[in-house]
Amino acid sequence: MNIERLKRITVEEGKCGGRPTIRGFRLRVSDVLELLSAGASIEEILADYTFLEREDVLAAIEYAAHQADHPILRAS
């Protein structure tokens, strides 16, 4: 996990419903992930959202990976 990269993900009360955004912009992590899942390349996303940097997109992916990870509970 790259802590410095994850600092690009911000959560602010009142902005985007308190959902995680990229560096305080009104672009949610989920927006970036949806673009990627729809087949957009990182280069296409960067061309469409000129305020974004490559590290922002990578931070969104890493954030999602971290959120999807959870401890495995074993039945007793």
C-alpha atoms as a PDB file:
ATOM      1  CA  MET A   1       0.000   0.000   0.000  1.00  0.00           C
ATOM      2  CA  ASN A   2       1.353   3.390  -1.004  1.00  0.00           C
ATOM      3  CA  ILE A   3       0.344   5.797   1.768  1.00  0.00           C
ATOM      4  CA  GLU A   4       1.587   8.866  -0.115  1.00  0.00           C
ATOM      5  CA  ARG A   5      -0.522   7.957  -3.149  1.00  0.00           C
ATOM      6  CA  LEU A   6      -3.595   7.368  -0.984  1.00  0.00           C
ATOM      7  CA  LYS A   7      -3.290  10.917   0.408  1.00  0.00           C
ATOM      8  CA  ARG A   8      -4.694  12.018  -2.966  1.00  0.00           C
ATOM      9  CA  ILE A   9      -8.058  10.570  -1.901  1.00  0.00           C
ATOM     10  CA  THR A  10     -10.026  13.022   0.214  1.00  0.00           C
ATOM     11  CA  VAL A  11     -13.330  12.921   2.032  1.00  0.00           C
ATOM     12  CA  GLU A  12     -15.008  16.203   2.898  1.00  0.00           C
ATOM     13  CA  GLU A  13     -18.348  16.677   4.571  1.00  0.00           C
ATOM     14  CA  GLY A  14     -20.759  18.305   2.161  1.00  0.00           C
ATOM     15  CA  LYS A  15     -18.737  17.519  -0.954  1.00  0.00           C
ATOM     16  CA  CYS A  16     -20.094  14.747  -3.175  1.00  0.00           C
ATOM     17  CA  GLY A  17     -22.199  13.504  -0.285  1.00  0.00           C
ATOM     18  CA  GLY A  18     -19.123  12.771   1.807  1.00  0.00           C
ATOM     19  CA  ARG A  19     -17.901  10.215  -0.697  1.00  0.00           C
ATOM     20  CA  PRO A  20     -14.187   9.812  -1.466  1.00  0.00           C
ATOM     21  CA  THR A  21     -12.963  12.250  -4.116  1.00  0.00           C
ATOM     22  CA  ILE A  22      -9.731  12.926  -5.946  1.00  0.00           C
ATOM     23  CA  ARG A  23      -7.656  15.696  -4.277  1.00  0.00           C
ATOM     24  CA  GLY A  24     -10.749  17.611  -3.182  1.00  0.00           C
ATOM     25  CA  PHE A  25     -12.110  18.003  -6.694  1.00  0.00           C
ATOM     26  CA  ARG A  26     -15.746  17.160  -7.307  1.00  0.00           C
ATOM     27  CA  LEU A  27     -14.758  13.930  -9.009  1.00  0.00           C
ATOM     28  CA  ARG A  28     -15.477  10.840  -6.973  1.00  0.00           C
ATOM     29  CA  VAL A  29     -13.237   7.799  -6.800  1.00  0.00           C
ATOM     30  CA  SER A  30     -16.236   5.806  -8.018  1.00  0.00           C
ATOM     31  CA  ASP A  31     -16.473   8.042 -11.114  1.00  0.00           C
ATOM     32  CA  VAL A  32     -12.904   7.197 -12.078  1.00  0.00           C
ATOM     33  CA  LEU A  33     -13.468   3.499 -11.406  1.00  0.00           C
ATOM     34  CA  GLU A  34     -16.644   3.475 -13.502  1.00  0.00           C
ATOM     35  CA  LEU A  35     -14.777   5.081 -16.402  1.00  0.00           C
ATOM     36  CA  LEU A  36     -12.082   2.422 -16.168  1.00  0.00           C
ATOM     37  CA  SER A  37     -14.612  -0.402 -15.953  1.00  0.00           C
ATOM     38  CA  ALA A  38     -16.384   0.967 -19.032  1.00  0.00           C
ATOM     39  CA  GLY A  39     -13.143   0.565 -20.959  1.00  0.00           C
ATOM     40  CA  ALA A  40     -11.645   4.058 -20.802  1.00  0.00           C
ATOM     41  CA  SER A  41      -7.863   4.070 -20.679  1.00  0.00           C
ATOM     42  CA  ILE A  42      -5.938   6.128 -18.169  1.00  0.00           C
ATOM     43  CA  GLU A  43      -4.797   8.333 -21.049  1.00  0.00           C
ATOM     44  CA  GLU A  44      -8.412   8.954 -22.127  1.00  0.00           C
ATOM     45  CA  ILE A  45      -9.430   9.858 -18.594  1.00  0.00           C
ATOM     46  CA  LEU A  46      -6.507  12.265 -18.280  1.00  0.00           C
ATOM     47  CA  ALA A  47      -7.418  13.886 -21.609  1.00  0.00           C
ATOM     48  CA  ASP A  48     -11.054  14.356 -20.537  1.00  0.00           C
ATOM     49  CA  TYR A  49     -10.249  15.552 -16.998  1.00  0.00           C
ATOM     50  CA  THR A  50      -7.225  17.756 -17.495  1.00  0.00           C
ATOM     51  CA  PHE A  51      -6.897  18.548 -13.782  1.00  0.00           C
ATOM     52  CA  LEU A  52      -6.172  14.887 -13.054  1.00  0.00           C
ATOM     53  CA  GLU A  53      -2.732  13.347 -12.905  1.00  0.00           C
ATOM     54  CA  ARG A  54      -1.793   9.742 -13.591  1.00  0.00           C
ATOM     55  CA  GLU A  55      -1.117   9.239  -9.860  1.00  0.00           C
ATOM     56  CA  ASP A  56      -4.726  10.290  -9.138  1.00  0.00           C
ATOM     57  CA  VAL A  57      -6.097   7.457 -11.258  1.00  0.00           C
ATOM     58  CA  LEU A  58      -3.685   4.993  -9.685  1.00  0.00           C
ATOM     59  CA  ALA A  59      -4.725   6.268  -6.255  1.00  0.00           C
ATOM     60  CA  ALA A  60      -8.381   5.561  -7.077  1.00  0.00           C
ATOM     61  CA  ILE A  61      -7.506   2.008  -8.082  1.00  0.00           C
ATOM     62  CA  GLU A  62      -5.392   1.465  -4.986  1.00  0.00           C
ATOM     63  CA  TYR A  63      -8.097   2.938  -2.750  1.00  0.00           C
ATOM     64  CA  ALA A  64     -10.662   0.554  -4.228  1.00  0.00           C
ATOM     65  CA  ALA A  65      -8.337  -2.410  -3.787  1.00  0.00           C
ATOM     66  CA  HIS A  66      -7.769  -1.468  -0.164  1.00  0.00           C
ATOM     67  CA  GLN A  67     -11.508  -1.047   0.465  1.00  0.00           C
ATOM     68  CA  ALA A  68     -12.280  -4.425  -1.107  1.00  0.00           C
ATOM     69  CA  ASP A  69      -9.808  -6.203   1.157  1.00  0.00           C
ATOM     70  CA  HIS A  70     -11.261  -7.590   4.345  1.00  0.00           C
ATOM     71  CA  PRO A  71     -10.272 -10.124   6.981  1.00  0.00           C
ATOM     72  CA  ILE A  72     -11.333 -13.680   6.371  1.00  0.00           C
ATOM     73  CA  LEU A  73     -13.618 -14.918   9.109  1.00  0.00           C
ATOM     74  CA  ARG A  74     -13.591 -18.620   9.786  1.00  0.00           C
ATOM     75  CA  ALA A  75     -16.588 -20.482  11.065  1.00  0.00           C
ATOM     76  CA  SER A  76     -15.975 -22.168  14.383  1.00  0.00           C
END
